[in-house]
Amino acid sequence: MKTLLASASIATLLVSAAVAWAGYFNGPLPPNHHIHDCTAAHCDYPHLGVGFFPKILTGGDVQAYLLDPAECNDATDKSLLPPNDGTATPTENQPLRAGVCYTSTTLIHLRSIDINDPAPDGWSGPISPVKLRNGVTYVTYWLLTPR
């Protein structure tokens, strides 16, 4: 009887976790998050441009990418954080991006660093060089892991 109760409890826990997991990805964005789902010339926060995500996730197929676009915590994009939010330019020795974005199936580890800095070991890239007002050219490296 104890085994049956323990098995039933574990099954209930797993079903509850699965339902909560599925609901999290179908609901509104959490606070301080944005989604890269905009293909228009002008995008309004929290909907930001698709950027390089289709290239690294779907081989450049934007329509396939839009079926499961990347969501990011604002802390990943340092230009969205104070004191950079007014200038869109990181401070000295600060990466442009560092953190994790995600789709329903993939964690996307990102790091945008000075083009002169060494690449992170085992990461793909570089992609999307961008020169900002601080005079630094940043390139982005990524590492994909399944969820």
N, C-alpha and C. Protein backbone atom coordinates (compact mmCIF):
# COMPACT_ATOMS: atom_id res chain seq x y z
N MET A 1 0.82 -1.20 0.00
CA MET A 1 0.00 0.00 0.00
C MET A 1 0.87 1.27 0.00
N LYS A 2 1.98 1.25 0.78
CA LYS A 2 2.88 2.40 0.82
C LYS A 2 3.47 2.66 -0.57
N THR A 3 3.81 1.59 -1.27
CA THR A 3 4.39 1.72 -2.61
C THR A 3 3.38 2.35 -3.56
N LEU A 4 2.13 1.93 -3.46
CA LEU A 4 1.08 2.47 -4.31
C LEU A 4 0.87 3.96 -4.04
N LEU A 5 0.83 4.34 -2.76
CA LEU A 5 0.66 5.76 -2.40
C LEU A 5 1.85 6.59 -2.86
N ALA A 6 3.05 6.05 -2.68
CA ALA A 6 4.25 6.77 -3.11
C ALA A 6 4.25 6.96 -4.62
N SER A 7 3.89 5.91 -5.35
CA SER A 7 3.83 5.99 -6.82
C SER A 7 2.79 7.01 -7.27
N ALA A 8 1.63 7.00 -6.63
CA ALA A 8 0.57 7.95 -6.97
C ALA A 8 1.01 9.38 -6.68
N SER A 9 1.70 9.59 -5.57
CA SER A 9 2.18 10.93 -5.21
C SER A 9 3.20 11.43 -6.23
N ILE A 10 4.10 10.57 -6.63
CA ILE A 10 5.12 10.95 -7.61
C ILE A 10 4.47 11.26 -8.95
N ALA A 11 3.51 10.44 -9.37
CA ALA A 11 2.82 10.67 -10.63
C ALA A 11 2.08 12.00 -10.61
N THR A 12 1.41 12.31 -9.50
CA THR A 12 0.70 13.57 -9.36
C THR A 12 1.66 14.75 -9.44
N LEU A 13 2.79 14.63 -8.78
CA LEU A 13 3.80 15.68 -8.80
C LEU A 13 4.32 15.92 -10.22
N LEU A 14 4.60 14.85 -10.95
CA LEU A 14 5.11 14.98 -12.31
C LEU A 14 4.07 15.61 -13.24
N VAL A 15 2.83 15.21 -13.12
CA VAL A 15 1.77 15.80 -13.95
C VAL A 15 1.61 17.28 -13.63
N SER A 16 1.63 17.64 -12.36
CA SER A 16 1.51 19.05 -11.96
C SER A 16 2.67 19.87 -12.51
N ALA A 17 3.87 19.33 -12.44
CA ALA A 17 5.04 20.03 -12.96
C ALA A 17 4.93 20.22 -14.47
N ALA A 18 4.47 19.21 -15.18
CA ALA A 18 4.32 19.31 -16.64
C ALA A 18 3.30 20.36 -17.01
N VAL A 19 2.18 20.40 -16.30
CA VAL A 19 1.14 21.39 -16.58
C VAL A 19 1.67 22.80 -16.30
N ALA A 20 2.36 22.98 -15.19
CA ALA A 20 2.92 24.29 -14.85
C ALA A 20 3.95 24.72 -15.89
N TRP A 21 4.79 23.79 -16.32
CA TRP A 21 5.83 24.06 -17.32
C TRP A 21 5.18 24.53 -18.62
N ALA A 22 4.18 23.81 -19.08
CA ALA A 22 3.50 24.16 -20.33
C ALA A 22 2.81 25.51 -20.21
N GLY A 23 2.19 25.78 -19.09
CA GLY A 23 1.50 27.05 -18.89
C GLY A 23 2.44 28.23 -18.86
N TYR A 24 3.65 28.03 -18.34
CA TYR A 24 4.62 29.11 -18.26
C TYR A 24 4.98 29.62 -19.64
N PHE A 25 5.10 28.73 -20.61
CA PHE A 25 5.53 29.13 -21.93
C PHE A 25 4.39 29.58 -22.83
N ASN A 26 3.17 29.48 -22.38
CA ASN A 26 2.05 29.91 -23.19
C ASN A 26 1.42 31.19 -22.66
N GLY A 27 1.88 31.67 -21.54
CA GLY A 27 1.29 32.83 -20.91
C GLY A 27 2.02 34.11 -21.27
N PRO A 28 1.69 35.18 -20.57
CA PRO A 28 2.35 36.46 -20.82
C PRO A 28 3.82 36.41 -20.39
N LEU A 29 4.59 37.34 -20.90
CA LEU A 29 6.00 37.41 -20.53
C LEU A 29 6.13 37.75 -19.04
N PRO A 30 7.10 37.15 -18.38
CA PRO A 30 7.36 37.55 -16.99
C PRO A 30 7.86 39.00 -16.95
N PRO A 31 7.77 39.66 -15.80
CA PRO A 31 8.29 41.02 -15.68
C PRO A 31 9.77 41.06 -16.05
N ASN A 32 10.21 42.15 -16.64
CA ASN A 32 11.61 42.36 -17.01
C ASN A 32 12.11 41.36 -18.04
N HIS A 33 11.23 40.90 -18.90
CA HIS A 33 11.59 40.01 -20.00
C HIS A 33 11.13 40.65 -21.31
N HIS A 34 11.78 40.23 -22.39
CA HIS A 34 11.36 40.66 -23.72
C HIS A 34 11.40 39.45 -24.65
N ILE A 35 10.75 39.59 -25.80
CA ILE A 35 10.67 38.50 -26.76
C ILE A 35 11.13 39.01 -28.13
N HIS A 36 11.94 38.22 -28.80
CA HIS A 36 12.47 38.59 -30.11
C HIS A 36 11.55 38.01 -31.19
N ASP A 37 10.40 38.68 -31.39
CA ASP A 37 9.39 38.18 -32.32
C ASP A 37 8.94 39.22 -33.34
N CYS A 38 9.67 40.30 -33.46
CA CYS A 38 9.25 41.40 -34.33
C CYS A 38 10.08 41.39 -35.63
N THR A 39 9.37 41.45 -36.76
CA THR A 39 10.04 41.52 -38.06
C THR A 39 9.82 42.88 -38.73
N ALA A 40 9.14 43.78 -38.06
CA ALA A 40 8.86 45.11 -38.61
C ALA A 40 10.09 46.00 -38.50
N ALA A 41 10.06 47.12 -39.23
CA ALA A 41 11.16 48.08 -39.17
C ALA A 41 11.24 48.73 -37.79
N HIS A 42 10.11 48.93 -37.14
CA HIS A 42 10.08 49.52 -35.80
C HIS A 42 9.37 48.54 -34.86
N CYS A 43 10.02 48.22 -33.76
CA CYS A 43 9.46 47.28 -32.78
C CYS A 43 9.31 47.99 -31.44
N ASP A 44 8.29 47.64 -30.70
CA ASP A 44 8.04 48.24 -29.39
C ASP A 44 8.26 47.22 -28.29
N TYR A 45 9.09 47.60 -27.30
CA TYR A 45 9.34 46.76 -26.14
C TYR A 45 8.01 46.34 -25.52
N PRO A 46 7.84 45.09 -25.16
CA PRO A 46 8.81 44.00 -25.03
C PRO A 46 9.01 43.17 -26.29
N HIS A 47 8.45 43.60 -27.42
CA HIS A 47 8.63 42.87 -28.69
C HIS A 47 9.80 43.48 -29.43
N LEU A 48 10.91 42.76 -29.47
CA LEU A 48 12.12 43.26 -30.12
C LEU A 48 12.39 42.49 -31.40
N GLY A 49 13.27 43.03 -32.23
CA GLY A 49 13.59 42.42 -33.51
C GLY A 49 14.10 40.99 -33.37
N VAL A 50 13.85 40.19 -34.42
CA VAL A 50 14.28 38.79 -34.39
C VAL A 50 15.80 38.68 -34.38
N GLY A 51 16.49 39.67 -34.92
CA GLY A 51 17.95 39.71 -34.89
C GLY A 51 18.58 38.47 -35.50
N PHE A 52 19.58 37.94 -34.79
CA PHE A 52 20.32 36.78 -35.28
C PHE A 52 19.70 35.45 -34.88
N PHE A 53 18.63 35.48 -34.09
CA PHE A 53 18.06 34.23 -33.58
C PHE A 53 17.62 33.25 -34.67
N PRO A 54 16.95 33.70 -35.76
CA PRO A 54 16.60 32.72 -36.80
C PRO A 54 17.83 32.01 -37.38
N LYS A 55 18.92 32.74 -37.53
CA LYS A 55 20.12 32.13 -38.12
C LYS A 55 20.68 31.03 -37.22
N ILE A 56 20.71 31.26 -35.91
CA ILE A 56 21.33 30.26 -35.03
C ILE A 56 20.36 29.15 -34.62
N LEU A 57 19.05 29.41 -34.72
CA LEU A 57 18.08 28.40 -34.27
C LEU A 57 17.42 27.62 -35.41
N THR A 58 17.18 28.28 -36.56
CA THR A 58 16.45 27.61 -37.64
C THR A 58 17.16 27.75 -38.98
N GLY A 59 18.46 27.99 -38.96
CA GLY A 59 19.21 28.10 -40.21
C GLY A 59 18.80 29.28 -41.06
N GLY A 60 18.20 30.30 -40.46
CA GLY A 60 17.79 31.50 -41.16
C GLY A 60 16.33 31.54 -41.57
N ASP A 61 15.58 30.49 -41.30
CA ASP A 61 14.15 30.43 -41.65
C ASP A 61 13.35 31.23 -40.62
N VAL A 62 13.01 32.46 -40.97
CA VAL A 62 12.33 33.36 -40.03
C VAL A 62 10.94 32.83 -39.67
N GLN A 63 10.21 32.32 -40.65
CA GLN A 63 8.86 31.83 -40.37
C GLN A 63 8.89 30.65 -39.39
N ALA A 64 9.84 29.74 -39.57
CA ALA A 64 9.98 28.61 -38.63
C ALA A 64 10.37 29.13 -37.25
N TYR A 65 11.27 30.10 -37.21
CA TYR A 65 11.70 30.68 -35.93
C TYR A 65 10.53 31.31 -35.18
N LEU A 66 9.66 32.02 -35.90
CA LEU A 66 8.55 32.72 -35.25
C LEU A 66 7.53 31.78 -34.61
N LEU A 67 7.58 30.49 -34.93
CA LEU A 67 6.71 29.52 -34.27
C LEU A 67 7.10 29.31 -32.81
N ASP A 68 8.37 29.61 -32.48
CA ASP A 68 8.87 29.43 -31.11
C ASP A 68 9.99 30.45 -30.87
N PRO A 69 9.66 31.75 -30.80
CA PRO A 69 10.69 32.78 -30.70
C PRO A 69 11.38 32.80 -29.34
N ALA A 70 12.57 33.38 -29.33
CA ALA A 70 13.38 33.46 -28.12
C ALA A 70 12.86 34.54 -27.18
N GLU A 71 12.80 34.19 -25.90
CA GLU A 71 12.50 35.14 -24.84
C GLU A 71 13.78 35.34 -24.02
N CYS A 72 13.98 36.55 -23.53
CA CYS A 72 15.19 36.86 -22.77
C CYS A 72 14.83 37.70 -21.55
N ASN A 73 15.57 37.51 -20.50
CA ASN A 73 15.51 38.41 -19.36
C ASN A 73 16.22 39.69 -19.78
N ASP A 74 15.72 40.83 -19.38
CA ASP A 74 16.35 42.09 -19.76
C ASP A 74 17.81 42.16 -19.33
N ALA A 75 18.18 41.45 -18.29
CA ALA A 75 19.56 41.47 -17.81
C ALA A 75 20.53 40.86 -18.82
N THR A 76 20.02 40.05 -19.76
CA THR A 76 20.89 39.48 -20.80
C THR A 76 21.42 40.58 -21.70
N ASP A 77 20.57 41.53 -22.07
CA ASP A 77 20.95 42.64 -22.93
C ASP A 77 21.33 43.83 -22.06
N LYS A 78 22.62 44.02 -21.87
CA LYS A 78 23.09 45.05 -20.95
C LYS A 78 22.66 46.45 -21.37
N SER A 79 22.37 46.65 -22.65
CA SER A 79 21.94 47.98 -23.09
C SER A 79 20.54 48.33 -22.59
N LEU A 80 19.79 47.34 -22.07
CA LEU A 80 18.46 47.61 -21.52
C LEU A 80 18.50 47.95 -20.03
N LEU A 81 19.68 47.87 -19.42
CA LEU A 81 19.80 48.08 -17.97
C LEU A 81 20.40 49.44 -17.66
N PRO A 82 20.05 50.02 -16.50
CA PRO A 82 20.70 51.25 -16.07
C PRO A 82 22.19 50.98 -15.81
N PRO A 83 23.10 51.87 -16.04
CA PRO A 83 22.90 53.20 -16.61
C PRO A 83 22.89 53.19 -18.13
N ASN A 84 22.90 52.01 -18.75
CA ASN A 84 23.02 51.91 -20.20
C ASN A 84 21.71 52.14 -20.94
N ASP A 85 20.57 52.10 -20.25
CA ASP A 85 19.28 52.16 -20.93
C ASP A 85 19.08 53.49 -21.67
N GLY A 86 19.72 54.54 -21.22
CA GLY A 86 19.59 55.83 -21.90
C GLY A 86 20.52 55.98 -23.09
N THR A 87 21.64 55.27 -23.06
CA THR A 87 22.64 55.41 -24.13
C THR A 87 22.69 54.21 -25.05
N ALA A 88 22.17 53.06 -24.61
CA ALA A 88 22.24 51.80 -25.35
C ALA A 88 23.68 51.36 -25.59
N THR A 89 24.58 51.85 -24.75
CA THR A 89 26.00 51.52 -24.88
C THR A 89 26.53 51.04 -23.54
N PRO A 90 27.13 49.84 -23.50
CA PRO A 90 27.68 49.35 -22.24
C PRO A 90 28.84 50.21 -21.74
N THR A 91 29.08 50.14 -20.45
CA THR A 91 30.23 50.84 -19.88
C THR A 91 31.49 50.05 -20.19
N GLU A 92 32.64 50.65 -19.91
CA GLU A 92 33.92 50.03 -20.21
C GLU A 92 34.04 48.65 -19.56
N ASN A 93 34.60 47.71 -20.31
CA ASN A 93 34.83 46.33 -19.87
C ASN A 93 33.55 45.57 -19.54
N GLN A 94 32.43 46.04 -20.04
CA GLN A 94 31.16 45.35 -19.83
C GLN A 94 30.74 44.72 -21.16
N PRO A 95 30.30 43.46 -21.14
CA PRO A 95 29.83 42.85 -22.39
C PRO A 95 28.54 43.51 -22.85
N LEU A 96 28.29 43.44 -24.14
CA LEU A 96 27.03 43.95 -24.68
C LEU A 96 25.88 43.03 -24.29
N ARG A 97 26.15 41.72 -24.34
CA ARG A 97 25.17 40.70 -23.93
C ARG A 97 25.91 39.65 -23.12
N ALA A 98 25.25 39.15 -22.10
CA ALA A 98 25.78 38.02 -21.34
C ALA A 98 24.62 37.42 -20.57
N GLY A 99 24.25 36.21 -20.91
CA GLY A 99 23.15 35.58 -20.22
C GLY A 99 22.52 34.48 -21.04
N VAL A 100 21.28 34.18 -20.69
CA VAL A 100 20.58 33.07 -21.32
C VAL A 100 19.21 33.54 -21.82
N CYS A 101 18.92 33.20 -23.05
CA CYS A 101 17.57 33.35 -23.60
C CYS A 101 17.04 31.94 -23.78
N TYR A 102 15.78 31.82 -24.16
CA TYR A 102 15.22 30.47 -24.25
C TYR A 102 14.03 30.44 -25.19
N THR A 103 13.83 29.25 -25.75
CA THR A 103 12.59 28.93 -26.45
C THR A 103 11.96 27.81 -25.63
N SER A 104 10.89 27.22 -26.12
CA SER A 104 10.27 26.14 -25.36
C SER A 104 11.14 24.89 -25.34
N THR A 105 12.12 24.79 -26.25
CA THR A 105 12.94 23.58 -26.33
C THR A 105 14.43 23.81 -26.13
N THR A 106 14.88 25.05 -26.16
CA THR A 106 16.32 25.32 -26.20
C THR A 106 16.71 26.47 -25.28
N LEU A 107 17.82 26.28 -24.56
CA LEU A 107 18.46 27.38 -23.83
C LEU A 107 19.52 27.95 -24.75
N ILE A 108 19.55 29.26 -24.88
CA ILE A 108 20.47 29.95 -25.77
C ILE A 108 21.40 30.79 -24.90
N HIS A 109 22.59 30.30 -24.66
CA HIS A 109 23.57 31.04 -23.87
C HIS A 109 24.22 32.05 -24.82
N LEU A 110 24.25 33.31 -24.43
CA LEU A 110 24.78 34.38 -25.28
C LEU A 110 25.88 35.15 -24.58
N ARG A 111 26.85 35.56 -25.37
CA ARG A 111 27.89 36.44 -24.86
C ARG A 111 28.38 37.29 -26.02
N SER A 112 28.16 38.60 -25.93
CA SER A 112 28.66 39.54 -26.94
C SER A 112 29.80 40.32 -26.32
N ILE A 113 30.98 40.13 -26.90
CA ILE A 113 32.19 40.69 -26.31
C ILE A 113 32.99 41.46 -27.36
N ASP A 114 33.95 42.21 -26.88
CA ASP A 114 34.86 42.95 -27.75
C ASP A 114 35.46 41.98 -28.77
N ILE A 115 35.49 42.39 -30.02
CA ILE A 115 35.99 41.54 -31.09
C ILE A 115 37.44 41.11 -30.84
N ASN A 116 38.18 41.87 -30.03
CA ASN A 116 39.57 41.54 -29.73
C ASN A 116 39.73 40.55 -28.58
N ASP A 117 38.65 40.24 -27.86
CA ASP A 117 38.71 39.29 -26.76
C ASP A 117 38.62 37.86 -27.29
N PRO A 118 39.21 36.90 -26.57
CA PRO A 118 39.16 35.50 -27.03
C PRO A 118 37.74 34.94 -26.95
N ALA A 119 37.43 34.05 -27.89
CA ALA A 119 36.12 33.40 -27.91
C ALA A 119 35.98 32.45 -26.73
N PRO A 120 34.78 32.31 -26.18
CA PRO A 120 34.56 31.33 -25.12
C PRO A 120 34.78 29.91 -25.67
N ASP A 121 35.46 29.07 -24.93
CA ASP A 121 35.74 27.70 -25.37
C ASP A 121 34.45 26.92 -25.62
N GLY A 122 34.37 26.28 -26.78
CA GLY A 122 33.25 25.41 -27.09
C GLY A 122 32.00 26.11 -27.60
N TRP A 123 32.03 27.43 -27.73
CA TRP A 123 30.85 28.17 -28.18
C TRP A 123 30.92 28.37 -29.69
N SER A 124 29.77 28.59 -30.32
CA SER A 124 29.70 28.88 -31.75
C SER A 124 29.77 30.39 -31.96
N GLY A 125 30.18 30.76 -33.16
CA GLY A 125 30.25 32.17 -33.50
C GLY A 125 31.61 32.51 -34.07
N PRO A 126 31.91 33.74 -34.27
CA PRO A 126 31.12 34.92 -33.93
C PRO A 126 30.06 35.23 -34.98
N ILE A 127 29.11 36.05 -34.58
CA ILE A 127 28.03 36.50 -35.44
C ILE A 127 27.69 37.94 -35.07
N SER A 128 27.10 38.64 -35.99
CA SER A 128 26.54 39.98 -35.77
C SER A 128 27.51 40.99 -35.17
N PRO A 129 28.60 41.32 -35.88
CA PRO A 129 29.46 42.39 -35.36
C PRO A 129 28.70 43.72 -35.37
N VAL A 130 28.87 44.47 -34.30
CA VAL A 130 28.23 45.79 -34.20
C VAL A 130 29.20 46.74 -33.49
N LYS A 131 29.40 47.92 -34.09
CA LYS A 131 30.26 48.93 -33.47
C LYS A 131 29.37 49.97 -32.82
N LEU A 132 29.58 50.20 -31.53
CA LEU A 132 28.75 51.15 -30.77
C LEU A 132 29.48 52.46 -30.56
N ARG A 133 28.75 53.41 -29.98
CA ARG A 133 29.29 54.75 -29.75
C ARG A 133 30.52 54.77 -28.85
N ASN A 134 30.70 53.71 -28.06
CA ASN A 134 31.88 53.66 -27.21
C ASN A 134 33.12 53.26 -27.99
N GLY A 135 32.99 53.03 -29.31
CA GLY A 135 34.12 52.69 -30.17
C GLY A 135 34.46 51.22 -30.20
N VAL A 136 33.75 50.40 -29.43
CA VAL A 136 34.04 48.97 -29.36
C VAL A 136 33.19 48.22 -30.37
N THR A 137 33.82 47.31 -31.11
CA THR A 137 33.08 46.40 -31.99
C THR A 137 32.84 45.12 -31.22
N TYR A 138 31.56 44.76 -31.06
CA TYR A 138 31.17 43.56 -30.32
C TYR A 138 30.78 42.47 -31.31
N VAL A 139 31.11 41.23 -30.97
CA VAL A 139 30.64 40.06 -31.71
C VAL A 139 29.97 39.13 -30.71
N THR A 140 29.01 38.35 -31.20
CA THR A 140 28.22 37.48 -30.33
C THR A 140 28.59 36.02 -30.54
N TYR A 141 28.76 35.33 -29.43
CA TYR A 141 28.98 33.88 -29.41
C TYR A 141 27.78 33.25 -28.72
N TRP A 142 27.46 32.01 -29.09
CA TRP A 142 26.32 31.33 -28.50
C TRP A 142 26.61 29.87 -28.27
N LEU A 143 25.87 29.31 -27.33
CA LEU A 143 25.93 27.89 -27.00
C LEU A 143 24.50 27.43 -26.78
N LEU A 144 24.06 26.44 -27.55
CA LEU A 144 22.70 25.92 -27.46
C LEU A 144 22.68 24.65 -26.64
N THR A 145 21.75 24.56 -25.70
CA THR A 145 21.55 23.34 -24.93
C THR A 145 20.06 23.04 -24.88
N PRO A 146 19.71 21.74 -24.93
CA PRO A 146 18.28 21.40 -24.86
C PRO A 146 17.72 21.68 -23.48
N ARG A 147 16.42 21.98 -23.42
CA ARG A 147 15.74 22.22 -22.15
C ARG A 147 15.26 20.91 -21.60
